[in-house]
Structure formats: structure tokens, C-alpha cells
Protein backbone atom coordinates (compact mmCIF):
# COMPACT_ATOMS: atom_id res chain seq x y z
CA LYS A 1 -26.11 -18.63 -68.08
CA PRO A 2 -24.30 -18.09 -71.21
CA ILE A 3 -23.06 -21.35 -70.84
CA TYR A 4 -26.24 -23.26 -71.08
CA ASP A 5 -27.21 -21.70 -74.58
CA TYR A 6 -23.97 -23.28 -75.80
CA TRP A 7 -24.38 -26.92 -74.32
CA VAL A 8 -27.51 -27.20 -75.09
CA GLY A 9 -28.01 -24.88 -78.90
CA TYR A 10 -24.64 -25.96 -79.94
CA ARG A 11 -23.30 -29.54 -78.35
CA GLY A 12 -26.85 -30.62 -78.53
CA TRP A 13 -26.91 -31.83 -74.92
CA GLN A 14 -30.53 -32.43 -73.20
CA HIS A 15 -29.41 -29.92 -70.32
CA ARG A 16 -32.67 -29.74 -68.93
CA VAL A 17 -32.08 -33.29 -67.35
CA GLY A 18 -28.89 -31.99 -65.56
CA ILE A 19 -31.61 -30.27 -62.73
CA ASP A 20 -31.62 -33.75 -61.04
CA ALA A 21 -27.52 -33.15 -60.58
CA LYS A 22 -28.73 -30.55 -57.78
CA ALA A 23 -29.92 -33.30 -55.38
CA GLN A 24 -26.35 -34.27 -54.45
CA ASN A 25 -24.30 -33.37 -51.43
CA GLY A 26 -20.70 -33.31 -52.98
CA PRO A 27 -18.19 -32.99 -50.78
CA THR A 28 -14.86 -30.98 -51.24
CA THR A 29 -11.56 -32.39 -49.69
CA SER A 30 -8.42 -30.54 -49.73
CA ILE A 31 -5.64 -32.18 -50.96
CA GLY A 32 -1.59 -31.78 -51.18
CA LEU A 33 -0.79 -31.21 -55.23
CA ALA A 34 1.51 -34.44 -54.63
CA ASP A 35 -1.31 -36.44 -53.72
CA ALA A 36 -3.82 -35.14 -55.93
CA ALA A 37 -3.83 -37.45 -58.84
CA ARG A 38 -3.57 -40.64 -55.97
CA ALA A 39 -6.74 -38.74 -54.64
CA LEU A 40 -8.77 -38.47 -57.43
CA ASN A 41 -8.07 -42.41 -58.53
CA VAL A 42 -9.31 -43.35 -54.51
CA VAL A 43 -12.38 -41.38 -55.18
CA LEU A 44 -13.06 -42.13 -58.49
CA ALA A 45 -12.89 -46.07 -58.15
CA LEU A 46 -14.55 -46.09 -54.92
CA ALA A 47 -17.60 -44.30 -56.21
CA PRO A 48 -19.81 -46.91 -55.92
CA ALA A 49 -19.60 -47.08 -52.18
CA SER A 50 -20.66 -43.70 -52.16
CA ILE A 51 -23.20 -44.18 -54.27
CA ALA A 52 -24.95 -46.94 -52.50
CA LEU A 53 -24.32 -45.54 -49.03
CA PHE A 54 -26.15 -42.36 -49.77
CA ALA A 55 -28.90 -43.49 -52.47
CA ASN A 56 -32.07 -41.20 -52.25
CA SER A 57 -33.52 -41.28 -55.70
CA PRO A 58 -35.74 -43.98 -56.57
CA LEU A 59 -38.48 -42.06 -57.72
CA GLU A 60 -38.64 -39.31 -60.64
CA GLY A 61 -41.83 -36.92 -61.71
CA GLY A 62 -43.50 -39.50 -59.02
CA ARG A 63 -42.94 -42.48 -60.71
CA LEU A 64 -40.97 -45.69 -59.79
CA THR A 65 -37.73 -45.81 -61.64
CA GLY A 66 -36.11 -49.15 -60.93
CA LEU A 67 -33.26 -47.58 -59.44
CA LYS A 68 -31.82 -46.49 -56.13
CA GLU A 69 -30.35 -43.44 -57.45
CA ASN A 70 -31.64 -42.51 -60.74
CA ARG A 71 -29.92 -38.91 -60.39
CA LEU A 72 -27.08 -40.76 -61.85
CA SER A 73 -28.44 -41.71 -64.99
CA ILE A 74 -28.60 -38.15 -65.97
CA TRP A 75 -25.10 -38.36 -67.34
CA PRO A 76 -25.93 -40.85 -70.21
CA ARG A 77 -29.22 -39.06 -71.02
CA MET A 78 -27.76 -35.21 -71.14
CA PHE A 79 -25.65 -36.27 -73.93
CA ALA A 80 -27.23 -38.90 -75.53
CA ALA A 81 -27.59 -36.30 -78.60
CA SER A 82 -24.29 -34.48 -78.21
CA ARG A 83 -22.72 -33.53 -81.31
CA PHE A 84 -19.39 -34.76 -79.76
CA ALA A 85 -18.61 -38.22 -78.58
CA CYS A 86 -16.51 -36.88 -76.20
CA ASP A 87 -18.76 -35.56 -73.76
CA ALA A 88 -20.00 -39.19 -72.88
CA VAL A 89 -16.74 -40.75 -72.66
CA LEU A 90 -15.34 -37.97 -70.45
CA ALA A 91 -18.41 -38.60 -68.08
CA ARG A 92 -17.28 -42.43 -67.57
CA LEU A 93 -14.41 -43.89 -65.21
CA PRO A 94 -11.23 -44.51 -67.69
CA ALA A 95 -9.47 -47.93 -67.83
CA ARG A 96 -6.91 -47.05 -65.89
CA PRO A 97 -6.02 -45.22 -63.29
CA PHE A 98 -4.78 -41.51 -63.66
CA ARG A 99 -0.55 -41.46 -63.35
CA ASP A 100 -0.16 -38.16 -62.52
CA LEU A 101 -2.09 -34.68 -62.92
CA ALA A 102 -0.44 -34.47 -66.68
CA ASP A 103 -2.11 -37.95 -67.56
CA TYR A 104 -5.57 -36.37 -66.09
CA PHE A 105 -5.86 -33.28 -68.02
CA CYS A 106 -4.48 -34.58 -71.19
CA TRP A 107 -6.70 -36.94 -70.98
CA ALA A 108 -9.88 -34.29 -70.45
CA TYR A 109 -8.80 -31.81 -72.85
CA GLY A 110 -6.21 -34.09 -75.36
CA GLU A 111 -6.66 -35.59 -78.76
CA GLY A 112 -10.41 -36.63 -79.30
CA THR A 113 -11.85 -33.87 -76.72
CA VAL A 114 -13.54 -30.94 -77.89
CA MET A 115 -12.95 -27.56 -75.95
CA HIS A 116 -15.98 -25.56 -74.26
CA THR A 117 -16.59 -21.87 -75.13
CA VAL A 118 -14.25 -19.51 -73.59
CA PRO A 119 -14.15 -15.87 -72.19
CA LEU A 120 -13.49 -13.30 -74.07
CA GLU A 121 -12.05 -11.35 -71.76
CA LEU A 122 -10.70 -13.80 -69.00
CA SER A 123 -12.67 -14.39 -65.94
CA ARG A 124 -12.62 -17.28 -63.65
CA ASP A 125 -16.32 -17.31 -63.54
CA TYR A 126 -16.98 -20.47 -66.27
CA LYS A 127 -20.83 -20.67 -65.69
CA GLY A 128 -21.73 -16.69 -65.67
CA SER A 129 -19.10 -15.16 -67.85
CA PRO A 130 -21.32 -12.58 -70.39
CA HIS A 131 -18.87 -12.82 -73.39
CA THR A 132 -17.87 -16.42 -74.21
CA GLY A 133 -16.56 -17.80 -77.77
CA ARG A 134 -16.40 -20.98 -79.49
CA ALA A 135 -13.09 -21.69 -81.06
CA HIS A 136 -13.30 -22.11 -85.01
CA GLY A 137 -13.11 -26.04 -86.02
CA ASP A 138 -13.69 -27.41 -82.37
CA PRO A 139 -10.26 -28.18 -81.18
CA SER A 140 -9.22 -29.69 -78.27
CA LEU A 141 -8.14 -27.53 -75.55
CA LEU A 142 -4.15 -28.73 -75.89
CA THR A 143 -4.36 -27.81 -79.78
CA PHE A 144 -5.94 -24.69 -79.45
CA LEU A 145 -3.23 -23.34 -76.62
CA HIS A 146 -0.06 -24.89 -78.82
CA ALA A 147 -1.26 -22.27 -81.27
CA PRO A 148 -0.31 -18.37 -81.23
CA SER A 149 -3.62 -17.23 -81.53
CA TRP A 150 -6.81 -18.82 -82.68
CA PRO A 151 -10.32 -17.26 -84.16
CA VAL A 152 -13.15 -17.50 -82.35
CA THR A 153 -17.04 -16.45 -82.74
CA ALA A 154 -18.47 -14.98 -79.99
CA CYS A 155 -21.25 -16.59 -78.83
CA ASP A 156 -24.21 -13.44 -77.81
CA ASP A 157 -23.78 -11.65 -80.73
CA GLY A 158 -21.54 -13.56 -83.36
CA ARG A 159 -18.24 -11.38 -84.17
CA LYS A 160 -15.48 -12.65 -84.65
CA VAL A 161 -12.05 -12.49 -82.50
CA VAL A 162 -8.93 -13.47 -82.45
CA LEU A 163 -7.87 -14.43 -78.85
CA LYS A 164 -4.18 -15.08 -77.61
CA PRO A 165 -4.29 -18.71 -75.81
CA SER A 166 -3.74 -18.45 -72.24
CA ALA A 167 -3.17 -20.84 -68.74
CA ALA A 168 -6.51 -19.04 -67.76
CA HIS A 169 -8.22 -20.90 -70.40
CA PHE A 170 -6.97 -24.07 -69.22
CA GLU A 171 -7.68 -23.33 -65.67
CA HIS A 172 -11.36 -21.91 -66.91
CA LEU A 173 -12.21 -25.54 -68.77
CA GLN A 174 -11.34 -27.71 -65.50
CA PHE A 175 -15.01 -28.62 -65.29
CA SER A 176 -14.88 -30.32 -68.96
CA PRO A 177 -15.17 -34.14 -67.65
CA PHE A 178 -18.01 -34.98 -65.85
CA LEU A 179 -16.52 -37.84 -64.06
CA ASP A 180 -17.71 -39.18 -60.59
CA ALA A 181 -15.18 -37.01 -58.79
CA ARG A 182 -12.73 -34.01 -60.59
CA PHE A 183 -9.65 -32.31 -59.16
CA ARG A 184 -10.20 -28.79 -58.89
CA PHE A 185 -8.02 -26.28 -58.66
CA ARG A 186 -7.23 -22.28 -58.68
CA PHE A 187 -3.54 -20.54 -59.48
CA GLY A 188 -2.09 -18.73 -57.13
CA THR A 189 -0.15 -16.45 -60.27
CA MET A 190 -0.81 -17.83 -63.66
CA PRO A 191 1.72 -19.85 -65.73
CA THR A 192 2.90 -18.63 -68.90
CA VAL A 193 1.45 -21.00 -71.85
CA PRO A 194 5.13 -22.74 -72.75
CA ALA A 195 5.80 -23.40 -69.02
CA LEU A 196 2.24 -25.17 -69.10
CA LEU A 197 2.44 -27.17 -71.77
CA GLY A 198 6.44 -28.08 -70.74
CA ALA A 199 4.54 -29.24 -67.33
CA LEU A 200 2.28 -31.42 -69.51
CA ALA A 201 4.66 -32.88 -71.39
CA ARG A 202 6.75 -34.43 -67.83
CA ALA A 203 5.82 -36.96 -65.45
CA ASN A 204 4.95 -34.78 -62.24
CA GLY A 205 5.40 -31.62 -64.28
CA LEU A 206 2.18 -29.96 -63.33
CA GLU A 207 2.39 -30.58 -59.66
CA SER A 208 5.66 -28.72 -59.60
CA LEU A 209 4.22 -26.12 -62.07
CA MET A 210 1.50 -25.95 -59.85
CA ALA A 211 3.05 -25.51 -56.79
CA GLU A 212 5.60 -22.93 -58.27
CA HIS A 213 2.99 -20.83 -58.51
CA GLY A 214 0.93 -21.30 -55.37
CA THR A 215 -2.26 -23.26 -56.62
CA GLU A 216 -4.56 -24.76 -54.32
CA GLY A 217 -6.51 -27.77 -55.23
CA TYR A 218 -9.58 -29.66 -54.03
CA ILE A 219 -11.35 -33.25 -54.63
CA GLU A 220 -14.54 -32.23 -55.64
CA GLY A 221 -16.93 -35.84 -55.37
CA ARG A 222 -20.00 -35.96 -57.11
CA VAL A 223 -21.76 -39.15 -56.11
CA PRO A 224 -23.52 -39.01 -52.71
CA GLY A 225 -27.16 -38.67 -52.69
CA ALA A 226 -28.42 -35.53 -50.52
CA ASN A 227 -29.97 -36.86 -47.59
CA PHE A 228 -31.12 -35.09 -44.68
CA PRO A 229 -32.60 -35.76 -41.17
CA ASP A 230 -36.59 -36.43 -40.87
CA ALA A 231 -38.42 -37.61 -38.12
CA GLY A 232 -38.40 -41.27 -38.98
CA LEU A 233 -34.88 -41.29 -39.73
CA MET A 234 -33.86 -39.76 -36.03
CA ALA A 235 -36.67 -42.26 -34.49
CA GLU A 236 -34.99 -45.20 -36.06
CA MET A 237 -31.23 -44.56 -35.73
CA GLY A 238 -31.48 -42.28 -32.40
CA ALA A 239 -31.95 -38.46 -32.86
CA ALA A 240 -28.12 -38.05 -31.72
CA ASP A 241 -26.66 -39.48 -34.64
CA ALA A 242 -29.00 -38.48 -37.41
CA ALA A 243 -27.49 -35.36 -38.41
CA SER A 244 -24.12 -37.54 -39.98
CA VAL A 245 -26.49 -37.55 -42.33
CA ILE A 246 -25.16 -34.63 -43.99
CA THR A 247 -21.64 -34.56 -42.84
CA GLY A 248 -21.04 -38.23 -43.50
CA PRO A 249 -20.25 -37.75 -47.56
CA SER A 250 -17.45 -35.46 -46.55
CA ALA A 251 -16.52 -37.71 -43.45
CA LEU A 252 -16.36 -40.51 -46.06
CA GLN A 253 -14.21 -38.73 -48.34
CA ALA A 254 -11.94 -37.14 -45.95
CA GLY A 255 -11.13 -40.62 -43.94
CA LEU A 256 -10.28 -41.94 -47.25
CA LEU A 257 -8.06 -39.52 -48.73
CA ALA A 258 -6.32 -39.56 -44.88
CA ALA A 259 -5.91 -43.10 -45.62
CA LEU A 260 -4.84 -42.91 -49.04
CA GLY A 261 -2.30 -46.12 -48.98
CA GLU A 262 -5.07 -47.99 -47.12
CA ALA A 263 -7.53 -46.56 -49.79
CA GLU A 264 -5.27 -47.75 -52.32
CA ARG A 265 -4.64 -51.54 -51.06
CA LEU A 266 -8.51 -51.76 -51.41
CA ILE A 267 -8.22 -50.44 -55.04
CA ARG A 268 -5.64 -53.19 -55.93
CA ASP A 269 -7.61 -55.68 -53.75
CA TRP A 270 -10.70 -55.34 -55.75
CA GLY A 271 -9.24 -54.40 -59.22
CA TRP A 272 -9.94 -51.08 -60.81
CA GLN A 273 -11.82 -53.17 -64.03
CA ARG A 274 -14.10 -55.03 -61.31
CA LEU A 275 -14.82 -51.99 -59.73
CA ARG A 276 -16.01 -50.16 -62.75
CA THR A 277 -18.29 -52.85 -63.10
CA LEU A 278 -19.77 -52.20 -60.13
CA ARG A 279 -21.11 -48.63 -60.39
CA GLU A 280 -24.47 -49.35 -62.44
CA PRO A 281 -25.40 -51.90 -59.42
CA ALA A 282 -24.59 -49.69 -56.84
CA ILE A 283 -27.08 -47.22 -58.96
CA VAL A 284 -29.93 -49.82 -59.16
CA HIS A 285 -29.41 -51.55 -56.27
CA ALA A 286 -27.75 -49.90 -53.91
CA LEU A 287 -26.36 -52.14 -50.82
CA HIS A 288 -29.01 -55.03 -51.87
CA ASP A 289 -26.09 -55.89 -54.18
CA ALA A 290 -24.10 -58.48 -52.37
CA ASP A 291 -20.16 -57.25 -53.93
CA VAL A 292 -21.57 -53.76 -53.64
CA HIS A 293 -22.58 -54.21 -49.92
CA ALA A 294 -18.77 -56.00 -49.61
CA LEU A 295 -17.01 -52.95 -50.68
CA ALA A 296 -19.31 -50.71 -48.86
CA GLY A 297 -17.98 -52.07 -45.51
CA GLU A 298 -14.43 -52.04 -46.14
CA VAL A 299 -14.56 -48.24 -47.38
CA LEU A 300 -15.74 -47.20 -44.48
CA ALA A 301 -13.20 -49.42 -42.68
CA VAL A 302 -11.01 -47.19 -44.39
CA ALA A 303 -12.47 -44.09 -43.82
CA GLU A 304 -12.88 -44.68 -40.24
CA ALA A 305 -9.39 -45.30 -39.61
CA GLY A 306 -8.33 -42.33 -41.76
CA LEU A 307 -10.17 -40.13 -39.22
CA GLU A 308 -9.79 -38.55 -36.07
CA ASN A 309 -11.46 -40.32 -32.91
CA ALA A 310 -13.75 -36.96 -32.76
CA GLU A 311 -14.39 -37.30 -36.32
CA ARG A 312 -15.31 -40.46 -36.76
CA ARG A 313 -19.50 -39.99 -34.95
CA GLN A 314 -19.94 -38.15 -38.37
CA LEU A 315 -20.19 -41.57 -40.50
CA ALA A 316 -22.78 -42.92 -37.76
CA TYR A 317 -25.54 -42.58 -40.37
CA ALA A 318 -23.36 -44.53 -43.06
CA ARG A 319 -22.51 -47.38 -40.59
CA TRP A 320 -26.13 -47.77 -39.66
CA VAL A 321 -27.04 -48.06 -43.31
CA TRP A 322 -24.88 -50.38 -43.98
CA ALA A 323 -25.64 -52.51 -41.28
CA ASN A 324 -29.09 -52.52 -42.15
CA ARG A 325 -29.24 -51.58 -45.81
CA ARG A 326 -31.61 -49.20 -45.62
CA THR A 327 -30.51 -46.62 -47.81
CA GLY A 328 -32.49 -43.15 -47.49
CA ALA A 329 -33.71 -44.88 -51.43
CA ASP A 330 -35.05 -48.00 -49.31
CA ARG A 331 -37.27 -45.91 -46.71
CA MET A 332 -38.78 -43.92 -49.45
CA LEU A 333 -39.38 -46.54 -51.39
CA GLU A 334 -41.51 -48.43 -48.18
CA ALA A 335 -42.94 -45.30 -47.18
CA TRP A 336 -44.11 -44.65 -51.48
CA HIS A 337 -45.83 -48.65 -51.73
CA ALA A 338 -47.47 -47.95 -48.18
CA VAL A 339 -49.38 -44.96 -48.70
CA THR A 340 -52.36 -45.15 -51.63
CA GLY A 341 -54.18 -42.82 -53.85
CA ASP A 342 -53.23 -41.01 -57.07
CA ARG A 343 -49.52 -39.89 -57.80
CA ALA A 344 -49.99 -36.37 -56.50
CA GLY A 345 -51.80 -37.41 -53.57
CA ARG A 346 -49.09 -40.00 -52.65
CA LEU A 347 -45.82 -37.40 -53.38
CA ARG A 348 -47.63 -34.89 -50.98
CA ALA A 349 -47.97 -37.85 -48.71
CA LEU A 350 -44.11 -38.75 -48.74
CA ALA A 351 -42.96 -34.88 -48.50
CA ALA A 352 -44.82 -34.75 -45.17
CA GLN A 353 -43.07 -37.88 -44.01
CA ARG A 354 -39.76 -37.39 -45.29
CA GLN A 355 -39.96 -33.40 -43.94
CA VAL A 356 -36.42 -31.78 -42.79
CA VAL A 357 -36.11 -31.61 -39.00
CA HIS A 358 -35.07 -27.98 -37.95
CA PRO A 359 -31.39 -28.11 -37.18
CA ARG A 360 -32.36 -27.26 -33.58
CA HIS A 361 -33.13 -30.44 -32.64
CA TRP A 362 -30.28 -31.85 -34.06
CA VAL A 363 -28.10 -29.43 -31.15
CA THR A 364 -30.98 -30.95 -28.70
CA ALA A 365 -30.30 -34.49 -29.26
CA ARG A 366 -26.34 -33.86 -29.49
CA ALA A 367 -26.54 -32.00 -25.88
CA ALA A 368 -28.63 -34.76 -24.15
């Protein structure tokens, strides 16, 4: 896709490692605009719990990595040789929570950042836009938006174009932070650039502007690893609950966002800076790190309280994993060490053991 050529050829990303990002089960949860920044902070700060509970990638290329969730090592690897330091910065939890949506977007689009390519003809498809351009001088998006027009070089044929900044460019570049969670949105009607810049300069101004323009938003979680029911899991925890391995990440995030006050209290109790330090132990050790295990237990309790009674069963896998400290990664490592032979043979054996059980068997088990 066009933007991949720009990322690799101009920004210098090692984008080939990004294929690992596909092995995630990223929940998306609708959120009211007034609570969007609070919700984003909650999902970001409590990410170590989600990383640990759904860890499932201890191998890479048929070799042990020493990590329970190796997938999350991709961002520092992808940005290691980037032309711009901001790319790595925008993939790490900031030093403090975001005050409001304007604070979040000024962090992502403001001083010290470099905007990505934008469509030469306004489009809402950031990956598939066929004709995109790179702004001359590599400005931040906010610098670009403050100008009446800006010279751009077309990525496909090198022609020079002059673009008039639009709020559509602000919407288009919302993918720019590669954080553990993002606020995603779509304007109902497009505001003017002066209105947008004015909203960014006022506390809670962006929330008000978005509401005026019929904006819908959601929180995109990005850390839970993909897990699926297999015969071994169904035998260990019971077939009727095994399907919750798929719905668990969404249930956990939905429960936290339905209990924002309690989730924020949890963050205050642990401390933002301490929670920042737990991400790496969660990646390396998952629930075998004592602090991560304790955090995950408290996160589960808050999420469960936020769900309706009928929804709580969707946390069955997460509760089982926490109680047994037995993640998908731990099960995979156990199976890996139990088989012998060369790397290809061990991978075949592991794949056979972890084959996904057809959904009809989940339904039958639940009915029984």
C-alpha cells in the first residue's frame, strides 16, 4: 500500500517486522466524547494487565525469545532506524496522563513530531489512498494546519502540489501514535480549520467541537495477544468457558470503561510512573511477575464489577489464567519443551496441538 513505501523508503521504518502486529486481539469500545481522554488514560495505564493475561507469543521463527509476549517487541524494532525520533516516542506511554483530547492530539501532532503523508484528494482511507503527498520541510501536523497552504511532493510520481490544510487531514492522521491504545474517531460533519485550532487551544474544547459536529469515537486497545480455543484449553478449563478466550479482551476493556471512576482510583493507588515500569515485566514474564500478577487481579475485579451479570462470563478465561498463572504463552512453552526433533518438526507438532477448535463445539458445550 502507498503509505508502506513512504514508511520504509522515507521514514526508514523496518516495516517488515510489523506483520507480528496481526497476532493481536485488539478490542474497540465505544466511548462518549466527554469521557474519551479518561478512558484512554485507563486503557493505557492498565495495559500491563492486558498484556500479561493474554500473552501468547513466546516464539519467533521457531525459536525461543525469552519473552511471553514477543509481539510487543515490534515497535522499538520497527522504529530503531527511523529518520525521526518522534516515531519511537509516540509508541511509548507519556510521562503523565492526558488532561483532555486536545492534550492528547497536541502531544501526537505538535512540536517535535513530523506529520505522515496525506491524500492529495481528501480521503478517509489512510492506508489505501492511492495518491498521497509528503509536506515539504517535514512539519508537524499542527504547523501544517496553521498555514494557509503548504507545498507537497506527490509520493507516486514526484510532482509538486500545493495543498490547503483541512480538518480532514487531522482526522486522517489519527493513526500516528503507535501507543498501546488510541482514541479513534470520525467527524460527522467537517469543522473548519480555524474552529479546530481554536478548540485545540481550550480546555475540553475539542470534546465540544467534536460533539457539535456529530463525531463518534471509540477506544482502540492494542496490546492483548490473540488466543483461540484449542482442545487442550477446552480440556483444562472446560469447553463451555473456553470461547471466552476470544471475547475476554473486549470484556475486560468494556468493564474498565464502564467503571471509569474505580479504574482511575486503581491508577492512583498504583501510580502512573510505577505502572509505566510494569509494561516490560508483563512482556517478559506475564503473570509470573508478582507485581504484574497483583495488578492483573485488581484490574479483573474492577472490570468484572463494571460488567452486567450476563456479561461476566466473558472474563472466564482471564480469571482462569490469572488464578493458574497459565497464559497461552505458558501453555505454548510447555508444549514446545515436550516435543523433540528439529525446529520445523517441533513447529508442526505445536501447530497440531494448538489447532483452533471449530466454533460449533463451543456452541454445543454452552448449550449442554
